[in-house]
Amino acid sequence: MLLALFDLRRRRLPNAVVGTFAALYFVNAVWTEVGLASMGVHLAYGAAALVVGALMFRFGWLGGGDVKLAAAVFLWAGPQSWPVLVILSVAGLVLSLVMLAVAGLQRIPVVAGARRWFYWLDPARGVPYGVALAFGGALAVLVQPAGQARATLAMLRSLV
């Protein structure tokens, strides 16, 4: 959720945080004794997300940080990508609707004076899609097979 706050506030996703999230997949894979074949499948999902995201970046639909975070999210999700993709889509839709609502509210003279309260959601600053990706990332960690999810949570607790 730290990444969601970064994206809301600054419209930037720090490479160090995104890279740490991605690297933790490999720590988790070793911790939970996932086989090399499974790691390869997860890596393929992450690479596919990176390629699709790079195309979206090329067309100006996503920022570079969003692309890297999407690759990390799908690296974690691997074969369980469908539930994550659904959550990403719904969260992105809700985020877009909120942004449209804020844009509409800013046209109302009484509310326009409170613009500083809406600064984080100002549509002129772009859509912080990292918020939706952060929710998807949290889900990706949790949708692992039951034993792995418990081991992952234990690993994360031991790191904190």
C-alpha atoms as a PDB file:
ATOM      1  CA  MET A   1       0.000   0.000   0.000  1.00  0.00           C
ATOM      2  CA  LEU A   2       3.072   2.206   0.323  1.00  0.00           C
ATOM      3  CA  LEU A   3       3.241   2.312  -3.465  1.00  0.00           C
ATOM      4  CA  ALA A   4      -0.391   3.448  -3.674  1.00  0.00           C
ATOM      5  CA  LEU A   5       0.403   6.394  -1.403  1.00  0.00           C
ATOM      6  CA  PHE A   6       3.520   7.286  -3.403  1.00  0.00           C
ATOM      7  CA  ASP A   7       1.520   7.269  -6.616  1.00  0.00           C
ATOM      8  CA  LEU A   8      -1.355   9.299  -5.177  1.00  0.00           C
ATOM      9  CA  ARG A   9       0.917  11.922  -3.713  1.00  0.00           C
ATOM     10  CA  ARG A  10       3.703  12.223  -6.268  1.00  0.00           C
ATOM     11  CA  ARG A  11       2.532  10.319  -9.358  1.00  0.00           C
ATOM     12  CA  ARG A  12       5.810   8.431  -9.169  1.00  0.00           C
ATOM     13  CA  LEU A  13       6.570   4.857  -8.174  1.00  0.00           C
ATOM     14  CA  PRO A  14      10.112   4.627  -6.744  1.00  0.00           C
ATOM     15  CA  ASN A  15      12.218   2.034  -8.545  1.00  0.00           C
ATOM     16  CA  ALA A  16      13.718   0.867  -5.246  1.00  0.00           C
ATOM     17  CA  VAL A  17      10.313  -0.001  -3.789  1.00  0.00           C
ATOM     18  CA  VAL A  18       9.031  -1.651  -6.993  1.00  0.00           C
ATOM     19  CA  GLY A  19      12.306  -3.547  -7.349  1.00  0.00           C
ATOM     20  CA  THR A  20      12.130  -4.702  -3.731  1.00  0.00           C
ATOM     21  CA  PHE A  21       8.572  -5.968  -4.263  1.00  0.00           C
ATOM     22  CA  ALA A  22       9.732  -7.928  -7.337  1.00  0.00           C
ATOM     23  CA  ALA A  23      12.850  -9.260  -5.592  1.00  0.00           C
ATOM     24  CA  LEU A  24      10.758 -10.462  -2.657  1.00  0.00           C
ATOM     25  CA  TYR A  25       9.079 -12.907  -5.040  1.00  0.00           C
ATOM     26  CA  PHE A  26      12.404 -14.700  -5.487  1.00  0.00           C
ATOM     27  CA  VAL A  27      13.106 -14.617  -1.744  1.00  0.00           C
ATOM     28  CA  ASN A  28       9.634 -16.070  -1.224  1.00  0.00           C
ATOM     29  CA  ALA A  29      10.175 -18.714  -3.919  1.00  0.00           C
ATOM     30  CA  VAL A  30      13.343 -19.918  -2.211  1.00  0.00           C
ATOM     31  CA  TRP A  31      11.728 -19.675   1.251  1.00  0.00           C
ATOM     32  CA  THR A  32       8.716 -21.767   0.205  1.00  0.00           C
ATOM     33  CA  GLU A  33      10.870 -24.138  -1.849  1.00  0.00           C
ATOM     34  CA  VAL A  34       9.085 -23.484  -5.136  1.00  0.00           C
ATOM     35  CA  GLY A  35      10.624 -25.449  -7.977  1.00  0.00           C
ATOM     36  CA  LEU A  36      12.537 -23.923 -10.850  1.00  0.00           C
ATOM     37  CA  ALA A  37       9.740 -24.794 -13.280  1.00  0.00           C
ATOM     38  CA  SER A  38       7.227 -22.851 -11.193  1.00  0.00           C
ATOM     39  CA  MET A  39       9.615 -19.904 -10.928  1.00  0.00           C
ATOM     40  CA  GLY A  40      10.017 -20.002 -14.704  1.00  0.00           C
ATOM     41  CA  VAL A  41       6.244 -19.845 -15.198  1.00  0.00           C
ATOM     42  CA  HIS A  42       5.981 -16.882 -12.824  1.00  0.00           C
ATOM     43  CA  LEU A  43       8.881 -15.192 -14.604  1.00  0.00           C
ATOM     44  CA  ALA A  44       7.105 -15.706 -17.946  1.00  0.00           C
ATOM     45  CA  TYR A  45       3.938 -14.035 -16.604  1.00  0.00           C
ATOM     46  CA  GLY A  46       6.001 -11.106 -15.323  1.00  0.00           C
ATOM     47  CA  ALA A  47       7.820 -10.801 -18.659  1.00  0.00           C
ATOM     48  CA  ALA A  48       4.535 -10.915 -20.586  1.00  0.00           C
ATOM     49  CA  ALA A  49       3.149  -8.139 -18.380  1.00  0.00           C
ATOM     50  CA  LEU A  50       6.314  -6.115 -19.011  1.00  0.00           C
ATOM     51  CA  VAL A  51       5.944  -6.487 -22.783  1.00  0.00           C
ATOM     52  CA  VAL A  52       2.237  -5.562 -22.760  1.00  0.00           C
ATOM     53  CA  GLY A  53       2.958  -2.693 -20.371  1.00  0.00           C
ATOM     54  CA  ALA A  54       5.786  -1.421 -22.587  1.00  0.00           C
ATOM     55  CA  LEU A  55       3.343  -1.235 -25.493  1.00  0.00           C
ATOM     56  CA  MET A  56       0.872   0.642 -23.309  1.00  0.00           C
ATOM     57  CA  PHE A  57       3.671   3.000 -22.249  1.00  0.00           C
ATOM     58  CA  ARG A  58       4.582   3.550 -25.893  1.00  0.00           C
ATOM     59  CA  PHE A  59       1.027   4.711 -26.610  1.00  0.00           C
ATOM     60  CA  GLY A  60       0.992   6.923 -23.510  1.00  0.00           C
ATOM     61  CA  TRP A  61      -1.613   4.842 -21.672  1.00  0.00           C
ATOM     62  CA  LEU A  62       0.582   3.975 -18.663  1.00  0.00           C
ATOM     63  CA  GLY A  63       3.590   5.513 -16.965  1.00  0.00           C
ATOM     64  CA  GLY A  64       6.930   3.752 -16.739  1.00  0.00           C
ATOM     65  CA  GLY A  65       6.569   3.040 -13.021  1.00  0.00           C
ATOM     66  CA  ASP A  66       3.136   1.521 -13.627  1.00  0.00           C
ATOM     67  CA  VAL A  67       4.643  -0.812 -16.233  1.00  0.00           C
ATOM     68  CA  LYS A  68       7.370  -1.982 -13.863  1.00  0.00           C
ATOM     69  CA  LEU A  69       4.903  -2.466 -11.015  1.00  0.00           C
ATOM     70  CA  ALA A  70       2.532  -4.408 -13.291  1.00  0.00           C
ATOM     71  CA  ALA A  71       5.402  -6.725 -14.239  1.00  0.00           C
ATOM     72  CA  ALA A  72       6.211  -7.267 -10.553  1.00  0.00           C
ATOM     73  CA  VAL A  73       2.544  -7.886  -9.699  1.00  0.00           C
ATOM     74  CA  PHE A  74       2.166 -10.506 -12.432  1.00  0.00           C
ATOM     75  CA  LEU A  75       5.517 -12.046 -11.470  1.00  0.00           C
ATOM     76  CA  TRP A  76       3.951 -12.699  -8.056  1.00  0.00           C
ATOM     77  CA  ALA A  77       0.581 -13.774  -9.498  1.00  0.00           C
ATOM     78  CA  GLY A  78       1.898 -16.224 -12.071  1.00  0.00           C
ATOM     79  CA  PRO A  79      -0.799 -18.716 -13.071  1.00  0.00           C
ATOM     80  CA  GLN A  80      -3.263 -17.080 -10.650  1.00  0.00           C
ATOM     81  CA  SER A  81      -3.260 -13.929 -12.806  1.00  0.00           C
ATOM     82  CA  TRP A  82      -6.972 -13.910 -13.665  1.00  0.00           C
ATOM     83  CA  PRO A  83      -8.256 -12.913 -10.211  1.00  0.00           C
ATOM     84  CA  VAL A  84      -5.503 -10.298 -10.008  1.00  0.00           C
ATOM     85  CA  LEU A  85      -6.397  -8.942 -13.454  1.00  0.00           C
ATOM     86  CA  VAL A  86     -10.065  -8.690 -12.442  1.00  0.00           C
ATOM     87  CA  ILE A  87      -9.161  -6.806  -9.241  1.00  0.00           C
ATOM     88  CA  LEU A  88      -6.838  -4.513 -11.212  1.00  0.00           C
ATOM     89  CA  SER A  89      -9.601  -3.800 -13.706  1.00  0.00           C
ATOM     90  CA  VAL A  90     -12.250  -3.101 -11.073  1.00  0.00           C
ATOM     91  CA  ALA A  91      -9.859  -0.969  -8.992  1.00  0.00           C
ATOM     92  CA  GLY A  92      -8.836   0.937 -12.132  1.00  0.00           C
ATOM     93  CA  LEU A  93     -12.490   1.513 -13.022  1.00  0.00           C
ATOM     94  CA  VAL A  94     -13.307   2.781  -9.519  1.00  0.00           C
ATOM     95  CA  LEU A  95     -10.219   4.992  -9.579  1.00  0.00           C
ATOM     96  CA  SER A  96     -11.210   6.452 -12.960  1.00  0.00           C
ATOM     97  CA  LEU A  97     -14.766   7.113 -11.759  1.00  0.00           C
ATOM     98  CA  VAL A  98     -13.432   8.888  -8.668  1.00  0.00           C
ATOM     99  CA  MET A  99     -11.162  10.999 -10.867  1.00  0.00           C
ATOM    100  CA  LEU A 100     -14.126  11.939 -13.085  1.00  0.00           C
ATOM    101  CA  ALA A 101     -16.216  12.793 -10.018  1.00  0.00           C
ATOM    102  CA  VAL A 102     -13.439  15.036  -8.668  1.00  0.00           C
ATOM    103  CA  ALA A 103     -13.186  16.762 -12.045  1.00  0.00           C
ATOM    104  CA  GLY A 104     -16.947  17.380 -11.948  1.00  0.00           C
ATOM    105  CA  LEU A 105     -16.841  18.638  -8.363  1.00  0.00           C
ATOM    106  CA  GLN A 106     -14.113  21.133  -9.226  1.00  0.00           C
ATOM    107  CA  ARG A 107     -16.543  22.860 -11.609  1.00  0.00           C
ATOM    108  CA  ILE A 108     -18.932  23.648  -8.739  1.00  0.00           C
ATOM    109  CA  PRO A 109     -17.958  27.112  -7.396  1.00  0.00           C
ATOM    110  CA  VAL A 110     -18.538  26.255  -3.727  1.00  0.00           C
ATOM    111  CA  VAL A 111     -16.406  23.115  -3.941  1.00  0.00           C
ATOM    112  CA  ALA A 112     -13.737  24.657  -6.175  1.00  0.00           C
ATOM    113  CA  GLY A 113     -12.484  26.634  -3.153  1.00  0.00           C
ATOM    114  CA  ALA A 114     -11.566  23.354  -1.462  1.00  0.00           C
ATOM    115  CA  ARG A 115      -9.336  22.332  -4.367  1.00  0.00           C
ATOM    116  CA  ARG A 116      -6.380  21.658  -2.081  1.00  0.00           C
ATOM    117  CA  TRP A 117      -8.347  18.786  -0.511  1.00  0.00           C
ATOM    118  CA  PHE A 118      -8.640  17.176  -3.927  1.00  0.00           C
ATOM    119  CA  TYR A 119      -5.028  17.770  -4.959  1.00  0.00           C
ATOM    120  CA  TRP A 120      -4.101  14.086  -4.710  1.00  0.00           C
ATOM    121  CA  LEU A 121      -6.967  13.251  -7.055  1.00  0.00           C
ATOM    122  CA  ASP A 122      -6.634  16.217  -9.419  1.00  0.00           C
ATOM    123  CA  PRO A 123      -7.289  14.804 -12.924  1.00  0.00           C
ATOM    124  CA  ALA A 124      -4.854  17.318 -14.423  1.00  0.00           C
ATOM    125  CA  ARG A 125      -2.056  15.375 -12.718  1.00  0.00           C
ATOM    126  CA  GLY A 126      -2.992  12.124 -14.474  1.00  0.00           C
ATOM    127  CA  VAL A 127      -4.505   8.894 -13.206  1.00  0.00           C
ATOM    128  CA  PRO A 128      -2.456   7.232 -10.440  1.00  0.00           C
ATOM    129  CA  TYR A 129      -2.869   3.678 -11.749  1.00  0.00           C
ATOM    130  CA  GLY A 130      -0.273   2.511  -9.242  1.00  0.00           C
ATOM    131  CA  VAL A 131      -3.119   2.545  -6.697  1.00  0.00           C
ATOM    132  CA  ALA A 132      -4.975  -0.178  -8.614  1.00  0.00           C
ATOM    133  CA  LEU A 133      -1.707  -2.045  -9.167  1.00  0.00           C
ATOM    134  CA  ALA A 134      -0.933  -1.929  -5.433  1.00  0.00           C
ATOM    135  CA  PHE A 135      -4.279  -3.581  -4.673  1.00  0.00           C
ATOM    136  CA  GLY A 136      -3.544  -6.171  -7.354  1.00  0.00           C
ATOM    137  CA  GLY A 137      -0.096  -6.737  -5.861  1.00  0.00           C
ATOM    138  CA  ALA A 138      -1.547  -7.363  -2.426  1.00  0.00           C
ATOM    139  CA  LEU A 139      -3.979  -9.828  -3.958  1.00  0.00           C
ATOM    140  CA  ALA A 140      -1.197 -11.515  -5.950  1.00  0.00           C
ATOM    141  CA  VAL A 141       0.654 -12.256  -2.726  1.00  0.00           C
ATOM    142  CA  LEU A 142      -2.504 -13.630  -1.122  1.00  0.00           C
ATOM    143  CA  VAL A 143      -3.844 -15.803  -4.012  1.00  0.00           C
ATOM    144  CA  GLN A 144      -0.957 -18.228  -3.861  1.00  0.00           C
ATOM    145  CA  PRO A 145      -1.794 -21.821  -2.979  1.00  0.00           C
ATOM    146  CA  ALA A 146      -2.786 -22.086   0.704  1.00  0.00           C
ATOM    147  CA  GLY A 147       0.505 -23.451   2.028  1.00  0.00           C
ATOM    148  CA  GLN A 148       2.576 -20.958   0.096  1.00  0.00           C
ATOM    149  CA  ALA A 149       0.423 -18.013   1.199  1.00  0.00           C
ATOM    150  CA  ARG A 150       0.957 -18.909   4.867  1.00  0.00           C
ATOM    151  CA  ALA A 151       4.687 -19.347   4.287  1.00  0.00           C
ATOM    152  CA  THR A 152       4.838 -16.022   2.422  1.00  0.00           C
ATOM    153  CA  LEU A 153       3.124 -14.186   5.263  1.00  0.00           C
ATOM    154  CA  ALA A 154       5.524 -15.835   7.723  1.00  0.00           C
ATOM    155  CA  MET A 155       8.478 -14.782   5.569  1.00  0.00           C
ATOM    156  CA  LEU A 156       7.209 -11.188   5.386  1.00  0.00           C
ATOM    157  CA  ARG A 157       6.716 -11.082   9.168  1.00  0.00           C
ATOM    158  CA  SER A 158      10.272 -12.315   9.712  1.00  0.00           C
ATOM    159  CA  LEU A 159      11.635  -9.561   7.432  1.00  0.00           C
ATOM    160  CA  VAL A 160       9.798  -6.796   9.285  1.00  0.00           C
END
